[in-house]
Amino acid sequence: TGILEIRTLDISEQSTPSLPITDSELSAFLKATMYVQADDESIRKQAQEIVGSETNSWRAAMLICKWVHDKIWNKNLKVGFGSAKQTLESLEGDCTEHTVLFIALARAVGIPSRICAGLVYQRDAFYYHFWPEVYVGKWVSMEPTLGQIQADATHIQLAGGKLESESALEFGEGVLRTLNRLQIERIQ
């Protein structure tokens, strides 16, 4: 047993890097993948429209987060696991589609980003959930699905990475195995 304390990070806009972020150690988090087509022309064009002339990486990430939340109007579970390009075309999906679209848009403008998987506490229970993380001088969890700029303390990350594989199933497999062994009690 243990107690998990979750806090959000303070982000200072003055200390965040300018776009594009070109740190070679983060290059893997800027690449296009099967689900995150950051190099697709429609993704690049949309990302540039969203951020406009903004060069501050944190402010640009906030613009992308708000846009993804506002534009995915049909928040359903019917899509399965859609790619960023499919999500941009349909503007529908659940947390996985919000996340892959956000990551593709962020990577397209030079913000290193990765996927987080874990639990989110909503209403009266914990639910399996995906959300993105961006590197803006430090890694920060964001939440386009629920309309939060920075993911709040109801999020418990159990896995994370680049989502580079051909199948998203193995990405969530470890999380699901962990969930089967957890007993969580919320303490106020």
N, C-alpha and C. Protein backbone atom coordinates (compact mmCIF):
# COMPACT_ATOMS: atom_id res chain seq x y z
N THR A 1 0.85 -1.18 0.00
CA THR A 1 0.00 0.00 0.00
C THR A 1 0.89 1.24 0.00
N GLY A 2 0.31 2.32 -0.40
CA GLY A 2 1.03 3.57 -0.43
C GLY A 2 0.08 4.71 -0.70
N ILE A 3 0.57 5.90 -0.52
CA ILE A 3 -0.20 7.10 -0.81
C ILE A 3 0.47 7.81 -1.97
N LEU A 4 -0.29 8.11 -2.98
CA LEU A 4 0.19 8.80 -4.17
C LEU A 4 -0.28 10.24 -4.11
N GLU A 5 0.65 11.17 -4.08
CA GLU A 5 0.31 12.58 -4.07
C GLU A 5 0.58 13.14 -5.45
N ILE A 6 -0.44 13.79 -6.04
CA ILE A 6 -0.33 14.30 -7.41
C ILE A 6 -0.46 15.81 -7.40
N ARG A 7 0.48 16.48 -8.08
CA ARG A 7 0.47 17.94 -8.16
C ARG A 7 0.66 18.37 -9.60
N THR A 8 0.20 19.56 -9.90
CA THR A 8 0.45 20.12 -11.22
C THR A 8 1.69 21.02 -11.14
N LEU A 9 2.35 21.21 -12.28
CA LEU A 9 3.57 22.02 -12.34
C LEU A 9 3.23 23.48 -12.58
N ASP A 10 4.04 24.37 -12.03
CA ASP A 10 3.93 25.79 -12.36
C ASP A 10 4.73 26.02 -13.64
N ILE A 11 4.12 26.68 -14.60
CA ILE A 11 4.78 26.96 -15.88
C ILE A 11 4.99 28.46 -15.99
N SER A 12 6.23 28.85 -16.17
CA SER A 12 6.55 30.25 -16.40
C SER A 12 6.76 30.45 -17.90
N GLU A 13 5.93 31.30 -18.49
CA GLU A 13 6.04 31.54 -19.93
C GLU A 13 7.39 32.12 -20.30
N GLN A 14 8.02 32.82 -19.39
CA GLN A 14 9.32 33.43 -19.70
C GLN A 14 10.43 32.39 -19.83
N SER A 15 10.27 31.24 -19.19
CA SER A 15 11.33 30.23 -19.22
C SER A 15 11.08 29.11 -20.22
N THR A 16 10.02 29.22 -21.02
CA THR A 16 9.75 28.18 -22.00
C THR A 16 10.47 28.49 -23.31
N PRO A 17 10.97 27.46 -23.97
CA PRO A 17 11.73 27.69 -25.21
C PRO A 17 10.85 28.18 -26.36
N SER A 18 11.50 28.81 -27.32
CA SER A 18 10.81 29.27 -28.53
C SER A 18 10.66 28.12 -29.51
N LEU A 19 9.70 28.28 -30.41
CA LEU A 19 9.46 27.28 -31.45
C LEU A 19 10.37 27.51 -32.64
N PRO A 20 10.76 26.47 -33.33
CA PRO A 20 10.61 25.07 -32.96
C PRO A 20 11.67 24.65 -31.95
N ILE A 21 11.34 23.67 -31.13
CA ILE A 21 12.30 23.12 -30.16
C ILE A 21 13.12 22.07 -30.91
N THR A 22 14.41 22.26 -30.94
CA THR A 22 15.27 21.41 -31.78
C THR A 22 16.29 20.59 -31.00
N ASP A 23 16.09 20.39 -29.72
CA ASP A 23 17.00 19.61 -28.88
C ASP A 23 17.10 18.18 -29.44
N SER A 24 18.31 17.74 -29.77
CA SER A 24 18.49 16.42 -30.39
C SER A 24 18.03 15.28 -29.48
N GLU A 25 18.09 15.47 -28.17
CA GLU A 25 17.63 14.44 -27.24
C GLU A 25 16.11 14.26 -27.29
N LEU A 26 15.40 15.22 -27.85
CA LEU A 26 13.94 15.17 -27.93
C LEU A 26 13.43 14.86 -29.33
N SER A 27 14.34 14.61 -30.26
CA SER A 27 13.95 14.45 -31.66
C SER A 27 12.95 13.31 -31.87
N ALA A 28 13.02 12.26 -31.06
CA ALA A 28 12.07 11.14 -31.21
C ALA A 28 10.64 11.59 -30.93
N PHE A 29 10.48 12.65 -30.16
CA PHE A 29 9.16 13.15 -29.80
C PHE A 29 8.65 14.23 -30.77
N LEU A 30 9.35 14.37 -31.89
CA LEU A 30 8.94 15.29 -32.94
C LEU A 30 8.62 14.56 -34.25
N LYS A 31 8.85 13.27 -34.28
CA LYS A 31 8.71 12.49 -35.52
C LYS A 31 7.26 12.12 -35.80
N ALA A 32 6.98 11.95 -37.08
CA ALA A 32 5.69 11.43 -37.51
C ALA A 32 5.69 9.91 -37.32
N THR A 33 4.53 9.36 -36.99
CA THR A 33 4.37 7.91 -36.83
C THR A 33 3.10 7.48 -37.54
N MET A 34 2.80 6.20 -37.42
CA MET A 34 1.61 5.65 -38.06
C MET A 34 0.33 6.35 -37.57
N TYR A 35 0.24 6.63 -36.28
CA TYR A 35 -0.95 7.28 -35.71
C TYR A 35 -0.82 8.79 -35.64
N VAL A 36 0.40 9.26 -35.58
CA VAL A 36 0.67 10.69 -35.38
C VAL A 36 1.36 11.22 -36.63
N GLN A 37 0.58 11.57 -37.64
CA GLN A 37 1.13 11.99 -38.94
C GLN A 37 1.49 13.48 -38.90
N ALA A 38 2.48 13.81 -38.09
CA ALA A 38 2.88 15.20 -37.92
C ALA A 38 3.44 15.82 -39.19
N ASP A 39 3.83 14.99 -40.15
CA ASP A 39 4.38 15.50 -41.41
C ASP A 39 3.33 15.61 -42.52
N ASP A 40 2.09 15.23 -42.25
CA ASP A 40 1.02 15.32 -43.23
C ASP A 40 0.71 16.80 -43.50
N GLU A 41 0.48 17.11 -44.77
CA GLU A 41 0.25 18.51 -45.17
C GLU A 41 -0.97 19.11 -44.47
N SER A 42 -2.06 18.36 -44.34
CA SER A 42 -3.26 18.91 -43.68
C SER A 42 -3.02 19.15 -42.19
N ILE A 43 -2.25 18.29 -41.56
CA ILE A 43 -1.91 18.46 -40.14
C ILE A 43 -1.02 19.70 -39.98
N ARG A 44 0.00 19.81 -40.81
CA ARG A 44 0.92 20.96 -40.74
C ARG A 44 0.18 22.29 -40.97
N LYS A 45 -0.69 22.30 -41.96
CA LYS A 45 -1.45 23.51 -42.27
C LYS A 45 -2.35 23.91 -41.10
N GLN A 46 -3.06 22.92 -40.54
CA GLN A 46 -3.95 23.22 -39.42
C GLN A 46 -3.16 23.69 -38.21
N ALA A 47 -2.04 23.05 -37.93
CA ALA A 47 -1.21 23.44 -36.79
C ALA A 47 -0.75 24.89 -36.93
N GLN A 48 -0.33 25.27 -38.14
CA GLN A 48 0.13 26.64 -38.36
C GLN A 48 -1.01 27.64 -38.23
N GLU A 49 -2.20 27.27 -38.70
CA GLU A 49 -3.36 28.14 -38.52
C GLU A 49 -3.67 28.36 -37.04
N ILE A 50 -3.54 27.31 -36.25
CA ILE A 50 -3.86 27.40 -34.82
C ILE A 50 -2.87 28.31 -34.10
N VAL A 51 -1.58 28.09 -34.30
CA VAL A 51 -0.59 28.86 -33.53
C VAL A 51 -0.27 30.21 -34.15
N GLY A 52 -0.53 30.37 -35.44
CA GLY A 52 -0.26 31.66 -36.09
C GLY A 52 1.18 32.08 -35.92
N SER A 53 1.40 33.28 -35.43
CA SER A 53 2.76 33.80 -35.27
C SER A 53 3.33 33.55 -33.87
N GLU A 54 2.61 32.79 -33.07
CA GLU A 54 3.08 32.51 -31.69
C GLU A 54 4.38 31.71 -31.73
N THR A 55 5.39 32.16 -31.01
CA THR A 55 6.67 31.45 -30.96
C THR A 55 6.97 30.87 -29.58
N ASN A 56 6.21 31.27 -28.56
CA ASN A 56 6.40 30.72 -27.21
C ASN A 56 5.78 29.32 -27.18
N SER A 57 6.59 28.31 -26.85
CA SER A 57 6.12 26.92 -26.93
C SER A 57 4.95 26.64 -25.99
N TRP A 58 4.95 27.20 -24.80
CA TRP A 58 3.85 26.95 -23.86
C TRP A 58 2.55 27.60 -24.34
N ARG A 59 2.64 28.85 -24.81
CA ARG A 59 1.42 29.50 -25.32
C ARG A 59 0.90 28.77 -26.57
N ALA A 60 1.80 28.30 -27.43
CA ALA A 60 1.38 27.54 -28.62
C ALA A 60 0.71 26.23 -28.21
N ALA A 61 1.26 25.54 -27.22
CA ALA A 61 0.65 24.29 -26.73
C ALA A 61 -0.74 24.56 -26.16
N MET A 62 -0.91 25.67 -25.46
CA MET A 62 -2.23 26.02 -24.92
C MET A 62 -3.23 26.27 -26.05
N LEU A 63 -2.80 26.95 -27.11
CA LEU A 63 -3.68 27.20 -28.26
C LEU A 63 -4.12 25.89 -28.90
N ILE A 64 -3.19 24.97 -29.07
CA ILE A 64 -3.50 23.67 -29.67
C ILE A 64 -4.47 22.89 -28.77
N CYS A 65 -4.22 22.91 -27.48
CA CYS A 65 -5.08 22.19 -26.54
C CYS A 65 -6.52 22.69 -26.61
N LYS A 66 -6.68 23.99 -26.58
CA LYS A 66 -8.03 24.57 -26.64
C LYS A 66 -8.69 24.26 -27.98
N TRP A 67 -7.95 24.35 -29.08
CA TRP A 67 -8.51 24.08 -30.39
C TRP A 67 -9.00 22.64 -30.49
N VAL A 68 -8.17 21.68 -30.05
CA VAL A 68 -8.57 20.27 -30.13
C VAL A 68 -9.82 20.02 -29.29
N HIS A 69 -9.86 20.56 -28.09
CA HIS A 69 -11.05 20.38 -27.24
C HIS A 69 -12.29 20.96 -27.91
N ASP A 70 -12.18 22.17 -28.43
CA ASP A 70 -13.33 22.85 -29.01
C ASP A 70 -13.80 22.24 -30.34
N LYS A 71 -12.88 21.73 -31.14
CA LYS A 71 -13.23 21.25 -32.48
C LYS A 71 -13.71 19.81 -32.54
N ILE A 72 -13.28 18.96 -31.63
CA ILE A 72 -13.79 17.58 -31.64
C ILE A 72 -15.14 17.62 -30.96
N TRP A 73 -16.14 17.76 -31.78
CA TRP A 73 -17.50 17.99 -31.29
C TRP A 73 -18.22 16.69 -30.94
N ASN A 74 -17.92 15.61 -31.64
CA ASN A 74 -18.60 14.34 -31.39
C ASN A 74 -17.67 13.45 -30.57
N LYS A 75 -17.76 13.57 -29.27
CA LYS A 75 -16.86 12.85 -28.36
C LYS A 75 -17.44 11.47 -28.06
N ASN A 76 -17.24 10.56 -29.03
CA ASN A 76 -17.86 9.24 -28.91
C ASN A 76 -16.82 8.14 -28.81
N LEU A 77 -17.30 6.94 -28.57
CA LEU A 77 -16.43 5.77 -28.47
C LEU A 77 -16.50 4.89 -29.71
N LYS A 78 -17.07 5.38 -30.79
CA LYS A 78 -17.30 4.56 -31.99
C LYS A 78 -16.06 4.44 -32.87
N VAL A 79 -15.13 5.35 -32.75
CA VAL A 79 -14.02 5.42 -33.71
C VAL A 79 -13.04 4.27 -33.53
N GLY A 80 -12.85 3.76 -32.32
CA GLY A 80 -11.83 2.75 -32.07
C GLY A 80 -10.55 3.46 -31.72
N PHE A 81 -9.55 3.36 -32.56
CA PHE A 81 -8.31 4.10 -32.35
C PHE A 81 -7.95 4.74 -33.67
N GLY A 82 -8.44 5.96 -33.87
CA GLY A 82 -8.20 6.68 -35.11
C GLY A 82 -6.86 7.38 -35.10
N SER A 83 -6.32 7.60 -36.28
CA SER A 83 -5.07 8.34 -36.40
C SER A 83 -5.36 9.84 -36.31
N ALA A 84 -4.29 10.61 -36.21
CA ALA A 84 -4.44 12.07 -36.16
C ALA A 84 -5.10 12.60 -37.43
N LYS A 85 -4.70 12.09 -38.58
CA LYS A 85 -5.28 12.55 -39.84
C LYS A 85 -6.76 12.20 -39.93
N GLN A 86 -7.13 10.98 -39.54
CA GLN A 86 -8.54 10.58 -39.53
C GLN A 86 -9.34 11.48 -38.59
N THR A 87 -8.75 11.79 -37.44
CA THR A 87 -9.44 12.63 -36.45
C THR A 87 -9.60 14.05 -36.96
N LEU A 88 -8.58 14.59 -37.62
CA LEU A 88 -8.69 15.93 -38.19
C LEU A 88 -9.80 15.97 -39.24
N GLU A 89 -9.93 14.92 -40.02
CA GLU A 89 -10.97 14.88 -41.05
C GLU A 89 -12.38 14.73 -40.47
N SER A 90 -12.53 13.89 -39.44
CA SER A 90 -13.86 13.61 -38.89
C SER A 90 -14.25 14.50 -37.72
N LEU A 91 -13.24 15.00 -37.00
CA LEU A 91 -13.44 15.79 -35.78
C LEU A 91 -14.36 15.07 -34.79
N GLU A 92 -14.10 13.77 -34.61
CA GLU A 92 -14.82 13.01 -33.61
C GLU A 92 -13.92 11.96 -32.99
N GLY A 93 -14.29 11.54 -31.79
CA GLY A 93 -13.53 10.51 -31.11
C GLY A 93 -13.46 10.75 -29.61
N ASP A 94 -12.84 9.80 -28.94
CA ASP A 94 -12.69 9.88 -27.49
C ASP A 94 -11.30 10.37 -27.13
N CYS A 95 -10.83 10.02 -25.96
CA CYS A 95 -9.54 10.54 -25.49
C CYS A 95 -8.37 10.13 -26.38
N THR A 96 -8.43 8.95 -27.00
CA THR A 96 -7.32 8.56 -27.86
C THR A 96 -7.21 9.47 -29.08
N GLU A 97 -8.34 9.80 -29.68
CA GLU A 97 -8.32 10.68 -30.85
C GLU A 97 -7.93 12.11 -30.48
N HIS A 98 -8.41 12.61 -29.35
CA HIS A 98 -7.99 13.93 -28.89
C HIS A 98 -6.46 13.94 -28.72
N THR A 99 -5.95 12.88 -28.15
CA THR A 99 -4.52 12.81 -27.83
C THR A 99 -3.66 12.72 -29.08
N VAL A 100 -3.99 11.81 -30.01
CA VAL A 100 -3.14 11.68 -31.20
C VAL A 100 -3.20 12.93 -32.07
N LEU A 101 -4.37 13.57 -32.16
CA LEU A 101 -4.47 14.80 -32.93
C LEU A 101 -3.66 15.91 -32.27
N PHE A 102 -3.79 16.06 -30.97
CA PHE A 102 -3.01 17.07 -30.25
C PHE A 102 -1.52 16.85 -30.49
N ILE A 103 -1.05 15.61 -30.32
CA ILE A 103 0.38 15.31 -30.46
C ILE A 103 0.86 15.62 -31.88
N ALA A 104 0.08 15.24 -32.88
CA ALA A 104 0.48 15.52 -34.27
C ALA A 104 0.57 17.02 -34.52
N LEU A 105 -0.41 17.78 -34.06
CA LEU A 105 -0.40 19.24 -34.25
C LEU A 105 0.78 19.87 -33.52
N ALA A 106 1.05 19.41 -32.30
CA ALA A 106 2.18 19.96 -31.52
C ALA A 106 3.50 19.64 -32.22
N ARG A 107 3.68 18.39 -32.61
CA ARG A 107 4.93 18.01 -33.29
C ARG A 107 5.10 18.78 -34.61
N ALA A 108 4.00 19.04 -35.30
CA ALA A 108 4.07 19.74 -36.58
C ALA A 108 4.63 21.14 -36.45
N VAL A 109 4.48 21.78 -35.29
CA VAL A 109 5.03 23.12 -35.09
C VAL A 109 6.31 23.11 -34.27
N GLY A 110 6.81 21.92 -33.93
CA GLY A 110 8.09 21.82 -33.24
C GLY A 110 8.00 21.71 -31.73
N ILE A 111 6.88 21.23 -31.20
CA ILE A 111 6.76 21.01 -29.76
C ILE A 111 6.87 19.50 -29.52
N PRO A 112 7.95 19.04 -28.88
CA PRO A 112 8.05 17.60 -28.58
C PRO A 112 6.85 17.18 -27.73
N SER A 113 6.27 16.05 -28.08
CA SER A 113 5.09 15.59 -27.35
C SER A 113 5.03 14.08 -27.35
N ARG A 114 4.35 13.56 -26.32
CA ARG A 114 4.23 12.11 -26.15
C ARG A 114 2.89 11.79 -25.50
N ILE A 115 2.56 10.51 -25.51
CA ILE A 115 1.27 10.06 -24.99
C ILE A 115 1.41 9.58 -23.55
N CYS A 116 0.39 9.82 -22.76
CA CYS A 116 0.30 9.30 -21.40
C CYS A 116 -0.93 8.41 -21.33
N ALA A 117 -0.82 7.34 -20.59
CA ALA A 117 -1.96 6.46 -20.36
C ALA A 117 -2.06 6.20 -18.87
N GLY A 118 -3.28 6.13 -18.41
CA GLY A 118 -3.47 5.87 -16.99
C GLY A 118 -4.91 5.99 -16.60
N LEU A 119 -5.14 6.62 -15.47
CA LEU A 119 -6.47 6.75 -14.91
C LEU A 119 -6.82 8.21 -14.74
N VAL A 120 -8.10 8.50 -14.86
CA VAL A 120 -8.61 9.82 -14.52
C VAL A 120 -9.83 9.61 -13.64
N TYR A 121 -9.93 10.41 -12.59
CA TYR A 121 -11.08 10.33 -11.69
C TYR A 121 -12.15 11.29 -12.20
N GLN A 122 -13.32 10.74 -12.50
CA GLN A 122 -14.45 11.54 -13.00
C GLN A 122 -15.70 11.17 -12.24
N ARG A 123 -16.40 12.15 -11.78
CA ARG A 123 -17.64 11.97 -11.03
C ARG A 123 -17.46 11.09 -9.81
N ASP A 124 -17.46 9.77 -9.97
CA ASP A 124 -17.42 8.89 -8.80
C ASP A 124 -16.50 7.69 -8.96
N ALA A 125 -15.66 7.68 -9.99
CA ALA A 125 -14.82 6.52 -10.22
C ALA A 125 -13.59 6.89 -11.05
N PHE A 126 -12.63 5.96 -11.10
CA PHE A 126 -11.47 6.09 -11.96
C PHE A 126 -11.76 5.40 -13.29
N TYR A 127 -11.32 6.02 -14.40
CA TYR A 127 -11.52 5.47 -15.73
C TYR A 127 -10.18 5.43 -16.46
N TYR A 128 -10.01 4.43 -17.35
CA TYR A 128 -8.84 4.35 -18.21
C TYR A 128 -8.85 5.54 -19.15
N HIS A 129 -7.68 6.16 -19.38
CA HIS A 129 -7.66 7.42 -20.11
C HIS A 129 -6.32 7.65 -20.79
N PHE A 130 -6.32 8.35 -21.93
CA PHE A 130 -5.12 8.83 -22.63
C PHE A 130 -5.13 10.35 -22.58
N TRP A 131 -3.94 10.95 -22.48
CA TRP A 131 -3.79 12.39 -22.60
C TRP A 131 -2.36 12.69 -23.06
N PRO A 132 -2.11 13.87 -23.63
CA PRO A 132 -0.77 14.19 -24.13
C PRO A 132 0.09 14.92 -23.10
N GLU A 133 1.38 14.82 -23.34
CA GLU A 133 2.37 15.57 -22.58
C GLU A 133 3.24 16.33 -23.58
N VAL A 134 3.60 17.56 -23.26
CA VAL A 134 4.47 18.35 -24.13
C VAL A 134 5.73 18.74 -23.38
N TYR A 135 6.80 18.93 -24.15
CA TYR A 135 8.04 19.43 -23.56
C TYR A 135 8.16 20.91 -23.88
N VAL A 136 8.08 21.73 -22.84
CA VAL A 136 8.20 23.19 -22.97
C VAL A 136 9.22 23.68 -21.93
N GLY A 137 10.39 23.05 -21.94
CA GLY A 137 11.40 23.30 -20.92
C GLY A 137 11.36 22.24 -19.84
N LYS A 138 10.22 21.63 -19.66
CA LYS A 138 9.99 20.45 -18.82
C LYS A 138 8.73 19.78 -19.37
N TRP A 139 8.56 18.51 -19.04
CA TRP A 139 7.39 17.78 -19.52
C TRP A 139 6.16 18.20 -18.72
N VAL A 140 5.09 18.55 -19.45
CA VAL A 140 3.84 19.01 -18.83
C VAL A 140 2.67 18.23 -19.44
N SER A 141 1.84 17.65 -18.58
CA SER A 141 0.63 16.95 -19.04
C SER A 141 -0.44 17.96 -19.37
N MET A 142 -1.10 17.74 -20.50
CA MET A 142 -2.20 18.61 -20.93
C MET A 142 -3.46 17.76 -21.08
N GLU A 143 -4.62 18.38 -21.25
CA GLU A 143 -5.87 17.62 -21.25
C GLU A 143 -6.90 18.19 -22.22
N PRO A 144 -6.71 17.93 -23.54
CA PRO A 144 -7.68 18.45 -24.51
C PRO A 144 -9.04 17.75 -24.46
N THR A 145 -9.10 16.52 -24.00
CA THR A 145 -10.38 15.81 -23.97
C THR A 145 -11.35 16.46 -22.99
N LEU A 146 -10.86 16.78 -21.80
CA LEU A 146 -11.72 17.31 -20.74
C LEU A 146 -11.72 18.84 -20.69
N GLY A 147 -11.01 19.48 -21.61
CA GLY A 147 -11.01 20.93 -21.67
C GLY A 147 -10.16 21.60 -20.61
N GLN A 148 -9.14 20.91 -20.14
CA GLN A 148 -8.20 21.50 -19.18
C GLN A 148 -6.90 21.81 -19.92
N ILE A 149 -6.37 22.97 -19.69
CA ILE A 149 -5.08 23.27 -20.32
C ILE A 149 -4.03 22.33 -19.75
N GLN A 150 -3.84 22.36 -18.47
CA GLN A 150 -2.91 21.45 -17.81
C GLN A 150 -3.74 20.37 -17.11
N ALA A 151 -3.37 19.11 -17.34
CA ALA A 151 -4.10 18.02 -16.71
C ALA A 151 -4.06 18.20 -15.20
N ASP A 152 -5.21 18.06 -14.57
CA ASP A 152 -5.28 18.30 -13.13
C ASP A 152 -4.87 17.06 -12.33
N ALA A 153 -4.99 17.16 -11.03
CA ALA A 153 -4.52 16.12 -10.12
C ALA A 153 -5.41 14.88 -10.11
N THR A 154 -6.46 14.85 -10.92
CA THR A 154 -7.28 13.63 -11.01
C THR A 154 -6.66 12.60 -11.96
N HIS A 155 -5.55 12.94 -12.60
CA HIS A 155 -4.87 12.07 -13.55
C HIS A 155 -3.74 11.29 -12.87
N ILE A 156 -3.73 9.99 -13.05
CA ILE A 156 -2.66 9.13 -12.54
C ILE A 156 -2.03 8.45 -13.74
N GLN A 157 -0.81 8.84 -14.06
CA GLN A 157 -0.13 8.28 -15.23
C GLN A 157 0.48 6.93 -14.87
N LEU A 158 0.18 5.91 -15.67
CA LEU A 158 0.73 4.57 -15.47
C LEU A 158 1.68 4.16 -16.58
N ALA A 159 1.62 4.84 -17.73
CA ALA A 159 2.51 4.55 -18.86
C ALA A 159 2.64 5.80 -19.71
N GLY A 160 3.65 5.80 -20.55
CA GLY A 160 3.84 6.93 -21.45
C GLY A 160 4.90 6.61 -22.47
N GLY A 161 4.87 7.33 -23.58
CA GLY A 161 5.86 7.09 -24.60
C GLY A 161 5.56 7.79 -25.89
N LYS A 162 6.17 7.28 -26.97
CA LYS A 162 6.09 7.92 -28.27
C LYS A 162 4.94 7.42 -29.12
N LEU A 163 4.35 6.27 -28.79
CA LEU A 163 3.31 5.62 -29.59
C LEU A 163 3.84 5.37 -31.01
N GLU A 164 4.92 4.62 -31.07
CA GLU A 164 5.59 4.36 -32.34
C GLU A 164 5.19 3.04 -32.97
N SER A 165 4.51 2.18 -32.25
CA SER A 165 4.27 0.82 -32.75
C SER A 165 3.18 0.81 -33.82
N GLU A 166 3.08 -0.32 -34.48
CA GLU A 166 2.05 -0.52 -35.50
C GLU A 166 0.67 -0.68 -34.86
N SER A 167 0.63 -1.06 -33.60
CA SER A 167 -0.65 -1.30 -32.94
C SER A 167 -0.65 -0.62 -31.58
N ALA A 168 -1.75 0.04 -31.27
CA ALA A 168 -1.87 0.71 -29.98
C ALA A 168 -2.23 -0.29 -28.88
N LEU A 169 -2.57 -1.50 -29.26
CA LEU A 169 -3.02 -2.47 -28.26
C LEU A 169 -1.94 -2.79 -27.24
N GLU A 170 -0.70 -3.02 -27.70
CA GLU A 170 0.34 -3.35 -26.73
C GLU A 170 0.70 -2.16 -25.86
N PHE A 171 0.44 -0.95 -26.33
CA PHE A 171 0.71 0.23 -25.51
C PHE A 171 -0.14 0.20 -24.25
N GLY A 172 -1.41 -0.12 -24.40
CA GLY A 172 -2.32 -0.14 -23.26
C GLY A 172 -2.32 -1.44 -22.48
N GLU A 173 -1.68 -2.47 -23.03
CA GLU A 173 -1.71 -3.78 -22.38
C GLU A 173 -1.11 -3.74 -20.98
N GLY A 174 0.06 -3.13 -20.83
CA GLY A 174 0.70 -3.05 -19.52
C GLY A 174 -0.14 -2.27 -18.53
N VAL A 175 -0.77 -1.20 -19.00
CA VAL A 175 -1.63 -0.41 -18.13
C VAL A 175 -2.81 -1.24 -17.66
N LEU A 176 -3.41 -1.99 -18.57
CA LEU A 176 -4.57 -2.81 -18.20
C LEU A 176 -4.17 -3.90 -17.20
N ARG A 177 -2.98 -4.49 -17.38
CA ARG A 177 -2.50 -5.48 -16.41
C ARG A 177 -2.32 -4.83 -15.04
N THR A 178 -1.80 -3.63 -15.00
CA THR A 178 -1.62 -2.91 -13.74
C THR A 178 -2.97 -2.59 -13.11
N LEU A 179 -3.93 -2.15 -13.91
CA LEU A 179 -5.24 -1.81 -13.40
C LEU A 179 -5.91 -2.99 -12.70
N ASN A 180 -5.69 -4.18 -13.23
CA ASN A 180 -6.31 -5.37 -12.64
C ASN A 180 -5.78 -5.67 -11.24
N ARG A 181 -4.64 -5.08 -10.87
CA ARG A 181 -4.06 -5.35 -9.55
C ARG A 181 -4.20 -4.16 -8.60
N LEU A 182 -4.75 -3.06 -9.06
CA LEU A 182 -4.86 -1.87 -8.21
C LEU A 182 -6.15 -1.85 -7.40
N GLN A 183 -6.02 -1.38 -6.21
CA GLN A 183 -7.18 -1.04 -5.41
C GLN A 183 -6.98 0.41 -4.97
N ILE A 184 -7.85 1.29 -5.44
CA ILE A 184 -7.67 2.73 -5.23
C ILE A 184 -8.76 3.26 -4.34
N GLU A 185 -8.32 4.03 -3.37
CA GLU A 185 -9.27 4.74 -2.51
C GLU A 185 -8.91 6.21 -2.56
N ARG A 186 -9.87 7.04 -2.84
CA ARG A 186 -9.64 8.49 -2.94
C ARG A 186 -9.74 9.10 -1.55
N ILE A 187 -8.69 9.84 -1.16
CA ILE A 187 -8.65 10.52 0.14
C ILE A 187 -8.67 12.02 -0.12
N GLN A 188 -9.58 12.74 0.52
CA GLN A 188 -9.66 14.20 0.31
C GLN A 188 -8.62 14.91 1.13
